[in-house]
Amino acid sequence: MARVRTSIAGWCLIGMAVGLCRDVSATEKKLIAVGWAMPNAEQLREVAAAMEGRPFRGSSLRFTGRNGTPFLDFAHSREKWKPEDIDQITEDLAAARPKRLTDCFLDVKATPGDVDWFDDEGWAIIVDHWRAAARVAREGGIAGLLFDPESYDNAQFGYQAQAEAEQHSFDEYRRMARQRGREVMSAVAEEYPDITIFSLFMLSIFQRQAGHPSLALAVHRYGLYPAFIDGWLDAAPASVTLVDGCESAYRFNSDVEYLAAANAIRNTCQHLVSPENRYKYRAQVQVSFGVYADAYVNPPDSPWYIDPGDQTPLQRFETNLASALNAADEYVWLYGEQASWWARPDAEAGAQGWSELLPGIEDVLWSVTEPAEHAARLLAEAAEETTGLVTNGDFSAETADAPEGVQADDWVQEGAPGGWSFWQSAAAESEGNPGWDPEVGHDAPGSATMRTVRKGCLIQSIAVASGERYAAAAWHRVEGAGVPSVRIRWQKADGSWHAEHEDCFLTAHGAAGQWQRMVGLVRVPEGAGRLVLLLSVDGQRSDQDVVWWDDVVVFRID
């Protein structure tokens, strides 16, 4: 990309690239809690208040009755479930009805997985299990089912482990697996037409086999699973959502790994289902990722250890979680074994909380999943303790000393409110004017104004250091034409632009036509020495088009 001097001129060409400030909540990304300490329906009623106060939008729920028995999550078995157990679990779920946890999922497992695919009687029971689980989810008011395809003692989806493998070829077993998948989905969709089936993994486990499935799948532990999924797609109405949880992401430790896996799931892996189902696959299968919290507290000699590099384990966790949410379609699930997010119903090992085991993790979860809302909370707390870092951010004064820092040649201070500079695009033929309004303000008189600005911004630069985290906010009001935005960019200490891919736009809240607040969180990228705050306006046409800015704040929050 061509650059016009070391100035603000490049900002209008970069687009909406963002760093850790990315507003995942605006795209309805959701974090789901999964792990050993998950509650059942009865316990959900007891811990709902604690769960509602956590940064999750949902949880997996153990499919058990009161007091933990009976266990009904072993769906791939010949043991018939009792109607009274089903009714009791449904009753408890319906009574819980948490408000924030809109996306809970009832656990079902492909366990014990000892029913052969040619066993009609056994599969009739399995299909009935799936039907009952879907009915519980619908009547209990939860989003759907969380499916764990792993059969720990057997290999439900492995061809060579089947009882009649010597009597039937791999292709014959694949045809039967597809039929069983069709039967399962038909039963589930009949009970719950708009269900979400959240599988801990779907075709993501076959990224290496997708190019030659007929050779590789016959000896793969899950070689019959693609055919089973093909059957799901045969019978799934358009209202059903399928989620590939990509459990293999537990060890991912870079943005590239998440993006590459997302691309493989959406593209390469579709070739493992029949051509007639590939459109449905692309339309109805979502990409998700599992993030393994234990990997950030395990010792370095553990096979399940994430190397934080130059970061702390918590910072590395934050970086990877942000990458996972960015690459996922809707859900990321956080799995943990060594601790819990709420009081456990038993005294097993790992009864401590995650905030004790990895201090600061809850703040990180809020920061990454709901940055604007969390920034607003942090700003309110910070404002009680300190004055912030913006010079004349409340625009109470017409003049003020400019903050220290490198000024680019095309940053103009004349006409701008005290402490601020102004830039506008010559390429856009912008001939606007900044100013100061002593009468209009958000909470008190005094605000900055911008008129007739086709593309331009008020600018202030603040000294920062790599790795620091900041919350920022600004109020604005619009009259007439013009689109306001608040952008944070980065410079090195010498004033040269830096890490343009980690520019951040703050998120607006409030009703149009009134004072609206833009809020966000940022972490200073490696090598940056200055945070550059841009109060921007695009598209004004006349002197009657006005944007007022007020109460601009930046606080360091860690």
Protein backbone atom coordinates (compact mmCIF):
# COMPACT_ATOMS: atom_id res chain seq x y z
CA MET A 1 0.00 0.00 0.00
CA ALA A 2 1.39 3.40 -0.95
CA ARG A 3 2.01 5.80 1.91
CA VAL A 4 1.81 9.59 1.81
CA ARG A 5 4.55 10.72 4.18
CA THR A 6 4.58 9.62 7.83
CA SER A 7 1.27 11.28 8.58
CA ILE A 8 -2.36 10.60 9.28
CA ALA A 9 -2.99 10.32 5.54
CA GLY A 10 -2.75 6.55 5.51
CA TRP A 11 -5.61 6.06 7.96
CA CYS A 12 -8.41 6.37 5.42
CA LEU A 13 -6.99 3.47 3.38
CA ILE A 14 -6.64 0.80 6.02
CA GLY A 15 -10.30 -0.15 6.54
CA MET A 16 -11.65 -1.86 9.62
CA ALA A 17 -8.62 -3.84 10.74
CA VAL A 18 -8.67 -4.37 14.49
CA GLY A 19 -6.50 -5.86 17.20
CA LEU A 20 -7.48 -7.18 20.62
CA CYS A 21 -10.07 -4.42 20.84
CA ARG A 22 -12.22 -6.27 18.29
CA ASP A 23 -15.85 -6.03 19.39
CA VAL A 24 -16.89 -9.65 19.28
CA SER A 25 -20.15 -8.86 21.05
CA ALA A 26 -21.22 -6.75 18.07
CA THR A 27 -21.01 -9.87 15.89
CA GLU A 28 -22.84 -11.97 18.49
CA LYS A 29 -19.91 -14.18 19.38
CA LYS A 30 -20.60 -16.27 22.47
CA LEU A 31 -18.38 -17.98 25.02
CA ILE A 32 -19.66 -21.33 26.31
CA ALA A 33 -18.38 -22.96 29.53
CA VAL A 34 -17.60 -26.68 29.27
CA GLY A 35 -15.76 -28.89 31.74
CA TRP A 36 -15.80 -31.42 34.54
CA ALA A 37 -17.60 -29.06 36.92
CA MET A 38 -20.67 -28.40 34.80
CA PRO A 39 -24.04 -28.56 36.60
CA ASN A 40 -27.01 -30.74 35.80
CA ALA A 41 -30.54 -29.36 35.52
CA GLU A 42 -31.18 -29.57 39.25
CA GLN A 43 -27.92 -27.81 40.12
CA LEU A 44 -28.51 -25.17 37.43
CA ARG A 45 -31.39 -23.88 39.52
CA GLU A 46 -29.03 -23.49 42.48
CA VAL A 47 -26.05 -21.91 40.74
CA ALA A 48 -27.89 -19.85 38.11
CA ALA A 49 -27.25 -16.56 39.94
CA ALA A 50 -23.50 -17.22 40.11
CA MET A 51 -23.43 -18.34 36.48
CA GLU A 52 -25.31 -15.22 35.36
CA GLY A 53 -22.53 -13.09 36.83
CA ARG A 54 -19.83 -14.75 34.72
CA PRO A 55 -18.73 -13.78 31.20
CA PHE A 56 -20.45 -16.75 29.57
CA ARG A 57 -23.49 -16.87 27.32
CA GLY A 58 -24.08 -20.56 27.92
CA SER A 59 -22.90 -23.76 29.52
CA SER A 60 -22.91 -27.47 28.91
CA LEU A 61 -25.31 -29.26 31.23
CA ARG A 62 -24.82 -32.78 32.54
CA PHE A 63 -27.64 -35.06 31.47
CA THR A 64 -28.35 -36.58 34.89
CA GLY A 65 -31.24 -36.76 37.29
CA ARG A 66 -31.40 -35.31 40.77
CA ASN A 67 -28.46 -36.16 43.05
CA GLY A 68 -26.47 -37.00 39.92
CA THR A 69 -28.30 -40.19 38.98
CA PRO A 70 -29.31 -41.68 36.70
CA PHE A 71 -26.77 -40.77 34.02
CA LEU A 72 -28.53 -40.36 30.69
CA ASP A 73 -25.68 -38.84 28.70
CA PHE A 74 -24.52 -42.26 27.43
CA ALA A 75 -26.78 -42.01 24.42
CA HIS A 76 -25.20 -44.76 22.28
CA SER A 77 -26.28 -47.68 24.45
CA ARG A 78 -28.99 -50.32 24.49
CA GLU A 79 -30.20 -49.29 27.94
CA LYS A 80 -33.65 -47.73 27.70
CA TRP A 81 -34.29 -44.50 29.56
CA LYS A 82 -37.21 -44.19 31.95
CA PRO A 83 -39.89 -41.60 31.10
CA GLU A 84 -40.06 -40.41 34.72
CA ASP A 85 -36.34 -39.55 34.66
CA ILE A 86 -36.81 -37.58 31.44
CA ASP A 87 -39.79 -35.70 32.90
CA GLN A 88 -37.90 -34.77 36.06
CA ILE A 89 -34.91 -33.35 34.15
CA THR A 90 -37.24 -31.39 31.88
CA GLU A 91 -39.03 -29.96 34.90
CA ASP A 92 -35.77 -28.80 36.49
CA LEU A 93 -34.54 -27.20 33.27
CA ALA A 94 -37.80 -25.37 32.71
CA ALA A 95 -37.71 -24.06 36.30
CA ALA A 96 -34.15 -22.69 35.99
CA ARG A 97 -34.58 -20.46 32.92
CA PRO A 98 -31.47 -18.26 33.35
CA LYS A 99 -31.68 -14.95 31.48
CA ARG A 100 -28.10 -14.28 30.39
CA LEU A 101 -27.28 -17.93 29.68
CA THR A 102 -29.29 -18.10 26.47
CA ASP A 103 -27.17 -20.84 24.88
CA CYS A 104 -26.99 -23.88 27.15
CA PHE A 105 -26.51 -27.37 25.75
CA LEU A 106 -27.42 -30.76 27.18
CA ASP A 107 -24.55 -33.28 27.07
CA VAL A 108 -25.00 -36.45 25.02
CA LYS A 109 -22.15 -38.84 24.27
CA ALA A 110 -21.45 -41.58 21.73
CA THR A 111 -20.80 -43.84 24.70
CA PRO A 112 -20.43 -46.73 25.33
CA GLY A 113 -20.43 -47.04 21.53
CA ASP A 114 -20.76 -50.82 21.51
CA VAL A 115 -23.80 -51.02 19.21
CA ASP A 116 -22.91 -52.26 15.72
CA TRP A 117 -24.24 -50.16 12.85
CA PHE A 118 -26.13 -53.18 11.46
CA ASP A 119 -27.92 -53.76 14.79
CA ASP A 120 -31.43 -52.48 13.99
CA GLU A 121 -32.79 -53.12 17.47
CA GLY A 122 -29.87 -51.40 19.18
CA TRP A 123 -30.04 -48.40 16.88
CA ALA A 124 -33.77 -48.01 17.45
CA ILE A 125 -32.93 -47.45 21.13
CA ILE A 126 -30.12 -44.99 20.27
CA VAL A 127 -32.45 -43.01 18.01
CA ASP A 128 -35.02 -42.91 20.80
CA HIS A 129 -32.30 -41.55 23.14
CA TRP A 130 -31.56 -38.73 20.71
CA ARG A 131 -35.27 -38.03 20.34
CA ALA A 132 -35.74 -37.86 24.11
CA ALA A 133 -32.71 -35.59 24.57
CA ALA A 134 -34.00 -33.21 21.89
CA ARG A 135 -37.41 -33.12 23.56
CA VAL A 136 -35.82 -32.33 26.95
CA ALA A 137 -33.81 -29.50 25.36
CA ARG A 138 -36.86 -27.99 23.67
CA GLU A 139 -39.23 -28.28 26.63
CA GLY A 140 -36.49 -27.21 29.02
CA GLY A 141 -35.91 -24.02 27.01
CA ILE A 142 -32.25 -24.53 26.09
CA ALA A 143 -30.46 -24.10 22.76
CA GLY A 144 -29.76 -27.73 22.00
CA LEU A 145 -27.43 -30.68 22.50
CA LEU A 146 -23.67 -30.85 23.08
CA PHE A 147 -22.45 -34.02 21.36
CA ASP A 148 -19.19 -35.72 22.34
CA PRO A 149 -18.40 -38.22 19.53
CA GLU A 150 -15.60 -39.86 21.50
CA SER A 151 -16.34 -43.40 22.69
CA TYR A 152 -13.78 -43.87 25.41
CA ASP A 153 -14.03 -47.66 25.84
CA ASN A 154 -15.06 -48.59 22.30
CA ALA A 155 -14.90 -47.05 18.86
CA GLN A 156 -18.42 -46.26 17.70
CA PHE A 157 -17.12 -44.64 14.51
CA GLY A 158 -14.19 -46.95 13.75
CA TYR A 159 -14.80 -49.49 10.98
CA GLN A 160 -12.25 -52.03 12.19
CA ALA A 161 -13.79 -52.07 15.68
CA GLN A 162 -17.26 -53.06 14.45
CA ALA A 163 -18.63 -56.49 15.41
CA GLU A 164 -19.42 -57.43 11.81
CA ALA A 165 -16.41 -55.87 10.08
CA GLU A 166 -15.45 -59.21 8.59
CA GLN A 167 -18.92 -59.65 7.06
CA HIS A 168 -19.34 -56.14 5.63
CA SER A 169 -17.01 -53.89 3.66
CA PHE A 170 -16.10 -50.36 4.68
CA ASP A 171 -18.40 -48.93 2.02
CA GLU A 172 -21.27 -51.04 3.32
CA TYR A 173 -20.66 -49.71 6.81
CA ARG A 174 -20.52 -46.17 5.47
CA ARG A 175 -23.92 -46.60 3.84
CA MET A 176 -25.32 -47.92 7.11
CA ALA A 177 -23.73 -45.09 9.14
CA ARG A 178 -25.32 -42.56 6.82
CA GLN A 179 -28.68 -44.26 7.29
CA ARG A 180 -28.30 -44.11 11.09
CA GLY A 181 -27.35 -40.45 10.92
CA ARG A 182 -30.47 -39.81 8.86
CA GLU A 183 -32.61 -41.66 11.41
CA VAL A 184 -31.12 -39.72 14.32
CA MET A 185 -31.59 -36.34 12.65
CA SER A 186 -35.14 -37.12 11.56
CA ALA A 187 -36.06 -37.92 15.17
CA VAL A 188 -34.26 -34.87 16.59
CA ALA A 189 -35.72 -32.42 14.06
CA GLU A 190 -39.21 -33.78 14.59
CA GLU A 191 -38.92 -32.98 18.30
CA TYR A 192 -36.95 -29.70 18.00
CA PRO A 193 -36.99 -28.26 14.44
CA ASP A 194 -34.70 -25.30 15.18
CA ILE A 195 -32.23 -27.10 17.43
CA THR A 196 -28.48 -26.46 17.56
CA ILE A 197 -26.33 -29.58 17.73
CA PHE A 198 -22.97 -28.50 19.10
CA SER A 199 -20.48 -31.29 18.43
CA LEU A 200 -17.10 -31.09 20.14
CA PHE A 201 -15.73 -31.95 16.73
CA MET A 202 -17.19 -32.80 13.35
CA LEU A 203 -15.12 -32.94 10.18
CA SER A 204 -12.38 -30.75 11.69
CA ILE A 205 -10.71 -33.95 12.89
CA PHE A 206 -10.16 -35.05 9.26
CA GLN A 207 -8.26 -32.08 7.83
CA ARG A 208 -5.39 -34.32 6.67
CA GLN A 209 -7.70 -37.02 5.28
CA ALA A 210 -10.06 -34.79 3.30
CA GLY A 211 -8.04 -35.16 0.09
CA HIS A 212 -8.20 -38.98 -0.05
CA PRO A 213 -11.02 -40.17 2.23
CA SER A 214 -11.54 -43.62 0.70
CA LEU A 215 -7.98 -44.65 1.64
CA ALA A 216 -7.61 -42.95 5.01
CA LEU A 217 -11.03 -43.28 6.61
CA ALA A 218 -11.16 -47.07 6.58
CA VAL A 219 -8.39 -47.23 9.19
CA HIS A 220 -9.28 -44.04 11.07
CA ARG A 221 -10.77 -44.26 14.56
CA TYR A 222 -13.60 -41.99 13.38
CA GLY A 223 -13.73 -43.21 9.79
CA LEU A 224 -17.53 -43.70 9.82
CA TYR A 225 -18.26 -40.31 11.35
CA PRO A 226 -18.35 -38.38 8.03
CA ALA A 227 -21.02 -40.77 6.75
CA PHE A 228 -23.02 -40.29 9.97
CA ILE A 229 -22.79 -36.50 9.48
CA ASP A 230 -23.81 -36.96 5.84
CA GLY A 231 -26.95 -38.64 7.16
CA TRP A 232 -27.54 -35.69 9.48
CA LEU A 233 -27.41 -33.39 6.46
CA ASP A 234 -29.76 -35.65 4.49
CA ALA A 235 -32.52 -35.13 7.05
CA ALA A 236 -31.74 -31.75 8.62
CA PRO A 237 -34.24 -29.00 7.80
CA ALA A 238 -32.81 -25.56 7.08
CA SER A 239 -33.72 -24.48 10.64
CA VAL A 240 -31.17 -26.86 12.23
CA THR A 241 -27.72 -25.49 13.09
CA LEU A 242 -24.69 -27.78 13.36
CA VAL A 243 -21.51 -26.64 15.11
CA ASP A 244 -18.06 -28.10 14.54
CA GLY A 245 -16.33 -27.45 17.88
CA CYS A 246 -12.81 -28.24 16.55
CA GLU A 247 -11.56 -29.84 19.76
CA SER A 248 -8.14 -30.18 18.13
CA ALA A 249 -7.70 -26.43 18.70
CA TYR A 250 -6.68 -27.12 22.32
CA ARG A 251 -3.01 -26.66 21.39
CA PHE A 252 -3.45 -23.77 18.93
CA ASN A 253 -1.08 -20.94 19.79
CA SER A 254 -1.29 -18.49 16.89
CA ASP A 255 -3.81 -16.49 14.91
CA VAL A 256 -2.75 -18.36 11.77
CA GLU A 257 -3.66 -21.75 13.25
CA TYR A 258 -7.22 -20.64 14.04
CA LEU A 259 -7.70 -19.02 10.64
CA ALA A 260 -6.26 -22.02 8.79
CA ALA A 261 -8.51 -24.44 10.68
CA ALA A 262 -11.57 -22.27 10.02
CA ASN A 263 -10.75 -22.23 6.32
CA ALA A 264 -10.27 -26.02 6.28
CA ILE A 265 -13.57 -26.68 8.08
CA ARG A 266 -15.51 -24.37 5.76
CA ASN A 267 -13.84 -25.51 2.54
CA THR A 268 -11.62 -28.61 2.43
CA CYS A 269 -13.66 -30.69 4.86
CA GLN A 270 -16.89 -30.33 2.90
CA HIS A 271 -15.51 -32.88 0.43
CA LEU A 272 -16.00 -35.58 3.07
CA VAL A 273 -19.77 -35.37 2.61
CA SER A 274 -21.67 -36.22 -0.55
CA PRO A 275 -21.87 -33.58 -3.31
CA GLU A 276 -25.62 -33.15 -2.85
CA ASN A 277 -25.10 -32.13 0.78
CA ARG A 278 -22.24 -29.67 0.36
CA TYR A 279 -24.50 -26.64 -0.02
CA LYS A 280 -26.29 -27.59 3.21
CA TYR A 281 -22.93 -28.15 4.87
CA ARG A 282 -21.74 -24.67 3.93
CA ALA A 283 -25.04 -23.10 4.96
CA GLN A 284 -25.68 -24.91 8.24
CA VAL A 285 -22.33 -25.93 9.75
CA GLN A 286 -20.67 -23.31 11.94
CA VAL A 287 -17.00 -23.12 12.88
CA SER A 288 -16.21 -23.12 16.60
CA PHE A 289 -13.07 -23.70 18.66
CA GLY A 290 -12.27 -25.30 22.00
CA VAL A 291 -9.86 -23.36 24.21
CA TYR A 292 -8.24 -25.54 26.89
CA ALA A 293 -7.75 -23.40 30.01
CA ASP A 294 -5.56 -26.02 31.73
CA ALA A 295 -2.89 -25.57 29.05
CA TYR A 296 -2.12 -22.13 30.52
CA VAL A 297 -1.52 -23.43 34.07
CA ASN A 298 0.12 -26.78 33.29
CA PRO A 299 3.89 -27.17 33.77
CA PRO A 300 6.13 -26.88 30.68
CA ASP A 301 6.79 -30.62 30.58
CA SER A 302 3.08 -31.36 30.15
CA PRO A 303 1.98 -32.47 26.66
CA TRP A 304 -0.94 -30.07 27.19
CA TYR A 305 1.08 -26.89 27.67
CA ILE A 306 0.85 -23.61 25.78
CA ASP A 307 4.19 -21.79 25.52
CA PRO A 308 3.46 -18.10 26.25
CA GLY A 309 6.65 -16.92 24.57
CA ASP A 310 7.40 -13.33 25.63
CA GLN A 311 3.95 -12.96 27.19
CA THR A 312 2.64 -14.09 30.55
CA PRO A 313 0.39 -17.19 30.44
CA LEU A 314 -2.64 -14.93 31.04
CA GLN A 315 -1.68 -12.60 28.19
CA ARG A 316 -1.17 -15.58 25.89
CA PHE A 317 -4.57 -16.91 26.90
CA GLU A 318 -6.10 -13.53 26.05
CA THR A 319 -4.38 -13.44 22.66
CA ASN A 320 -5.46 -16.96 21.70
CA LEU A 321 -9.02 -16.48 22.94
CA ALA A 322 -9.33 -13.34 20.83
CA SER A 323 -8.00 -15.23 17.80
CA ALA A 324 -10.49 -18.05 18.38
CA LEU A 325 -13.45 -15.67 18.65
CA ASN A 326 -12.32 -13.79 15.56
CA ALA A 327 -12.14 -16.95 13.43
CA ALA A 328 -15.28 -18.63 14.81
CA ASP A 329 -18.75 -18.10 13.39
CA GLU A 330 -20.63 -17.79 16.68
CA TYR A 331 -19.31 -19.96 19.53
CA VAL A 332 -16.05 -20.58 21.34
CA TRP A 333 -16.10 -23.09 24.18
CA LEU A 334 -13.79 -22.89 27.17
CA TYR A 335 -12.90 -26.30 28.59
CA GLY A 336 -11.25 -26.87 31.96
CA GLU A 337 -10.61 -29.74 34.35
CA GLN A 338 -8.57 -28.33 37.23
CA ALA A 339 -10.97 -25.65 38.48
CA SER A 340 -14.55 -24.42 38.31
CA TRP A 341 -16.46 -21.24 37.53
CA TRP A 342 -19.00 -21.78 40.31
CA ALA A 343 -19.41 -23.87 43.43
CA ARG A 344 -19.03 -27.53 42.61
CA PRO A 345 -21.70 -29.95 43.77
CA ASP A 346 -19.04 -32.39 45.01
CA ALA A 347 -15.63 -32.45 46.67
CA GLU A 348 -13.57 -33.82 43.78
CA ALA A 349 -10.10 -32.55 42.96
CA GLY A 350 -10.09 -29.16 41.31
CA ALA A 351 -12.73 -27.61 43.58
CA GLN A 352 -10.89 -24.25 43.48
CA GLY A 353 -12.08 -21.48 41.22
CA TRP A 354 -10.45 -20.49 37.96
CA SER A 355 -9.86 -16.98 39.27
CA GLU A 356 -7.67 -18.52 41.99
CA LEU A 357 -5.80 -20.85 39.66
CA LEU A 358 -5.20 -18.22 36.95
CA PRO A 359 -5.66 -14.78 38.57
CA GLY A 360 -7.10 -12.20 36.20
CA ILE A 361 -8.75 -14.72 33.88
CA GLU A 362 -12.26 -13.44 34.50
CA ASP A 363 -11.26 -9.88 33.64
CA VAL A 364 -9.68 -11.19 30.43
CA LEU A 365 -12.84 -13.09 29.50
CA TRP A 366 -14.96 -9.97 29.90
CA SER A 367 -12.39 -7.88 28.01
CA VAL A 368 -12.30 -10.16 24.98
CA THR A 369 -15.95 -11.23 24.75
CA GLU A 370 -17.72 -7.99 25.74
CA PRO A 371 -15.05 -5.27 25.49
CA ALA A 372 -17.32 -2.23 25.27
CA GLU A 373 -19.47 -3.19 28.25
CA HIS A 374 -16.43 -4.16 30.30
CA ALA A 375 -14.60 -0.97 29.33
CA ALA A 376 -17.55 1.09 30.57
CA ARG A 377 -17.35 -0.67 33.95
CA LEU A 378 -13.60 -0.18 34.17
CA LEU A 379 -13.86 3.48 33.17
CA ALA A 380 -16.39 4.11 35.92
CA GLU A 381 -14.04 2.52 38.46
CA ALA A 382 -10.97 4.35 37.14
CA ALA A 383 -12.70 7.74 37.14
CA GLU A 384 -13.13 7.46 40.91
CA GLU A 385 -9.38 7.08 41.42
CA THR A 386 -7.59 9.17 38.78
CA THR A 387 -8.07 11.89 36.18
CA GLY A 388 -7.11 10.01 33.05
CA LEU A 389 -4.57 10.82 30.34
CA VAL A 390 -6.36 13.03 27.78
CA THR A 391 -5.50 16.73 27.78
CA ASN A 392 -8.64 18.91 27.78
CA GLY A 393 -10.81 15.87 27.11
CA ASP A 394 -13.86 17.60 28.59
CA PHE A 395 -13.25 20.65 26.33
CA SER A 396 -13.87 22.97 29.25
CA ALA A 397 -11.12 25.28 27.93
CA GLU A 398 -10.69 26.87 24.52
CA THR A 399 -6.92 26.87 24.90
CA ALA A 400 -4.55 24.43 26.56
CA ASP A 401 -0.95 23.35 26.23
CA ALA A 402 -0.45 20.67 23.59
CA PRO A 403 0.64 17.30 25.03
CA GLU A 404 4.20 16.26 24.41
CA GLY A 405 4.83 14.13 21.36
CA VAL A 406 5.79 14.16 17.71
CA GLN A 407 3.53 16.31 15.51
CA ALA A 408 3.27 15.31 11.83
CA ASP A 409 3.59 18.05 9.22
CA ASP A 410 -0.10 17.92 8.27
CA TRP A 411 -1.45 18.00 11.83
CA VAL A 412 -2.79 21.53 12.35
CA GLN A 413 -3.39 23.06 15.78
CA GLU A 414 -4.86 26.34 14.56
CA GLY A 415 -8.62 26.38 15.11
CA ALA A 416 -8.63 23.11 17.04
CA PRO A 417 -9.59 23.06 20.73
CA GLY A 418 -6.71 23.44 23.17
CA GLY A 419 -4.51 20.33 23.43
CA TRP A 420 -5.77 18.90 20.13
CA SER A 421 -4.58 18.86 16.50
CA PHE A 422 -6.65 18.56 13.33
CA TRP A 423 -6.12 16.69 10.06
CA GLN A 424 -8.31 16.38 6.96
CA SER A 425 -7.91 14.61 3.65
CA ALA A 426 -6.79 16.64 0.67
CA ALA A 427 -7.59 13.67 -1.57
CA ALA A 428 -11.23 13.81 -0.42
CA GLU A 429 -11.23 17.60 -0.99
CA SER A 430 -12.21 18.10 2.61
CA GLU A 431 -12.28 21.78 3.58
CA GLY A 432 -13.86 21.56 7.01
CA ASN A 433 -13.25 23.41 10.22
CA PRO A 434 -12.68 22.29 13.80
CA GLY A 435 -13.83 24.52 16.61
CA TRP A 436 -14.88 24.96 20.24
CA ASP A 437 -18.44 25.46 21.43
CA PRO A 438 -18.60 27.13 24.87
CA GLU A 439 -22.34 26.51 25.28
CA VAL A 440 -23.05 22.95 24.14
CA GLY A 441 -21.72 19.98 26.10
CA HIS A 442 -22.52 16.50 27.27
CA ASP A 443 -22.58 17.06 31.06
CA ALA A 444 -21.38 20.66 31.21
CA PRO A 445 -20.83 23.51 28.69
CA GLY A 446 -17.85 23.10 26.44
CA SER A 447 -17.30 20.74 23.50
CA ALA A 448 -15.27 20.32 20.32
CA THR A 449 -16.99 20.80 16.97
CA MET A 450 -16.36 19.66 13.41
CA ARG A 451 -18.20 21.21 10.42
CA THR A 452 -18.01 20.61 6.65
CA VAL A 453 -15.51 17.80 7.16
CA ARG A 454 -15.65 15.28 4.34
CA LYS A 455 -12.90 13.20 5.91
CA GLY A 456 -10.90 14.34 8.88
CA CYS A 457 -10.21 14.01 12.59
CA LEU A 458 -9.18 15.69 15.81
CA ILE A 459 -5.98 14.10 17.10
CA GLN A 460 -4.21 13.63 20.40
CA SER A 461 -1.20 11.43 21.11
CA ILE A 462 -0.45 9.77 24.47
CA ALA A 463 2.79 8.11 25.60
CA VAL A 464 2.29 4.37 26.35
CA ALA A 465 4.34 1.17 26.63
CA SER A 466 4.00 -2.25 25.00
CA GLY A 467 1.68 -4.65 26.76
CA GLU A 468 -0.23 -2.01 28.73
CA ARG A 469 -4.02 -2.04 28.56
CA TYR A 470 -6.23 1.04 28.25
CA ALA A 471 -9.93 1.83 28.30
CA ALA A 472 -11.11 4.72 26.14
CA ALA A 473 -14.40 6.51 25.63
CA ALA A 474 -15.82 9.61 23.94
CA TRP A 475 -19.26 11.20 23.73
CA HIS A 476 -20.60 12.67 20.49
CA ARG A 477 -23.73 14.20 19.05
CA VAL A 478 -24.62 14.59 15.36
CA GLU A 479 -26.73 17.21 13.62
CA GLY A 480 -27.28 16.88 9.87
CA ALA A 481 -24.96 14.75 7.74
CA GLY A 482 -21.74 13.16 8.91
CA VAL A 483 -20.59 9.82 10.30
CA PRO A 484 -18.49 10.02 13.47
CA SER A 485 -16.07 7.35 14.67
CA VAL A 486 -13.31 7.02 17.24
CA ARG A 487 -10.19 5.26 16.10
CA ILE A 488 -7.09 4.37 18.06
CA ARG A 489 -3.84 4.00 16.17
CA TRP A 490 -0.27 3.30 17.22
CA GLN A 491 3.06 5.04 16.76
CA LYS A 492 6.59 4.22 17.74
CA ALA A 493 8.21 6.62 20.18
CA ASP A 494 9.68 8.57 17.23
CA GLY A 495 6.22 9.26 15.78
CA SER A 496 6.32 6.77 12.90
CA TRP A 497 3.16 4.73 12.37
CA HIS A 498 3.17 1.21 13.74
CA ALA A 499 1.05 -1.99 13.77
CA GLU A 500 -1.65 -0.66 11.46
CA HIS A 501 -3.42 -4.04 11.51
CA GLU A 502 -4.10 -3.45 15.22
CA ASP A 503 -5.99 -0.19 14.77
CA CYS A 504 -9.14 -0.15 16.89
CA PHE A 505 -12.57 1.44 16.47
CA LEU A 506 -14.62 2.10 19.57
CA THR A 507 -18.23 0.91 19.71
CA ALA A 508 -21.14 3.37 19.85
CA HIS A 509 -23.96 3.07 22.38
CA GLY A 510 -27.09 5.19 22.67
CA ALA A 511 -29.95 6.53 20.59
CA ALA A 512 -29.34 8.35 17.31
CA GLY A 513 -29.85 12.10 17.54
CA GLN A 514 -28.84 12.16 21.20
CA TRP A 515 -25.48 12.16 22.91
CA GLN A 516 -23.93 8.75 22.24
CA ARG A 517 -20.90 7.17 23.87
CA MET A 518 -18.18 5.24 22.08
CA VAL A 519 -16.26 2.82 24.32
CA GLY A 520 -13.53 0.22 23.93
CA LEU A 521 -10.50 -1.59 25.31
CA VAL A 522 -7.05 -1.77 23.73
CA ARG A 523 -3.75 -3.45 24.52
CA VAL A 524 -0.61 -1.70 23.32
CA PRO A 525 1.11 -3.81 20.64
CA GLU A 526 4.75 -4.78 20.85
CA GLY A 527 7.00 -1.92 19.70
CA ALA A 528 4.43 0.86 20.13
CA GLY A 529 5.30 3.92 22.19
CA ARG A 530 2.32 6.18 21.58
CA LEU A 531 -1.45 5.78 21.46
CA VAL A 532 -3.01 8.11 18.90
CA LEU A 533 -6.64 9.03 19.48
CA LEU A 534 -8.59 10.09 16.39
CA LEU A 535 -12.04 11.70 16.73
CA SER A 536 -13.10 11.26 13.11
CA VAL A 537 -15.92 12.49 10.88
CA ASP A 538 -16.76 11.47 7.31
CA GLY A 539 -19.34 12.81 4.88
CA GLN A 540 -20.27 16.29 6.09
CA ARG A 541 -21.51 18.54 3.27
CA SER A 542 -22.19 21.98 4.67
CA ASP A 543 -21.72 24.29 7.64
CA GLN A 544 -25.10 23.07 8.94
CA ASP A 545 -23.67 19.58 9.47
CA VAL A 546 -22.14 19.47 12.94
CA VAL A 547 -20.57 16.84 15.18
CA TRP A 548 -19.91 17.73 18.80
CA TRP A 549 -17.30 15.80 20.85
CA ASP A 550 -17.08 15.80 24.62
CA ASP A 551 -15.81 13.95 27.70
CA VAL A 552 -13.04 12.06 25.92
CA VAL A 553 -11.13 9.85 28.35
CA VAL A 554 -8.30 7.31 28.28
CA PHE A 555 -7.34 5.38 31.41
CA ARG A 556 -4.65 2.79 31.96
CA ILE A 557 -6.40 -0.14 33.62
CA ASP A 558 -3.58 -2.55 34.50
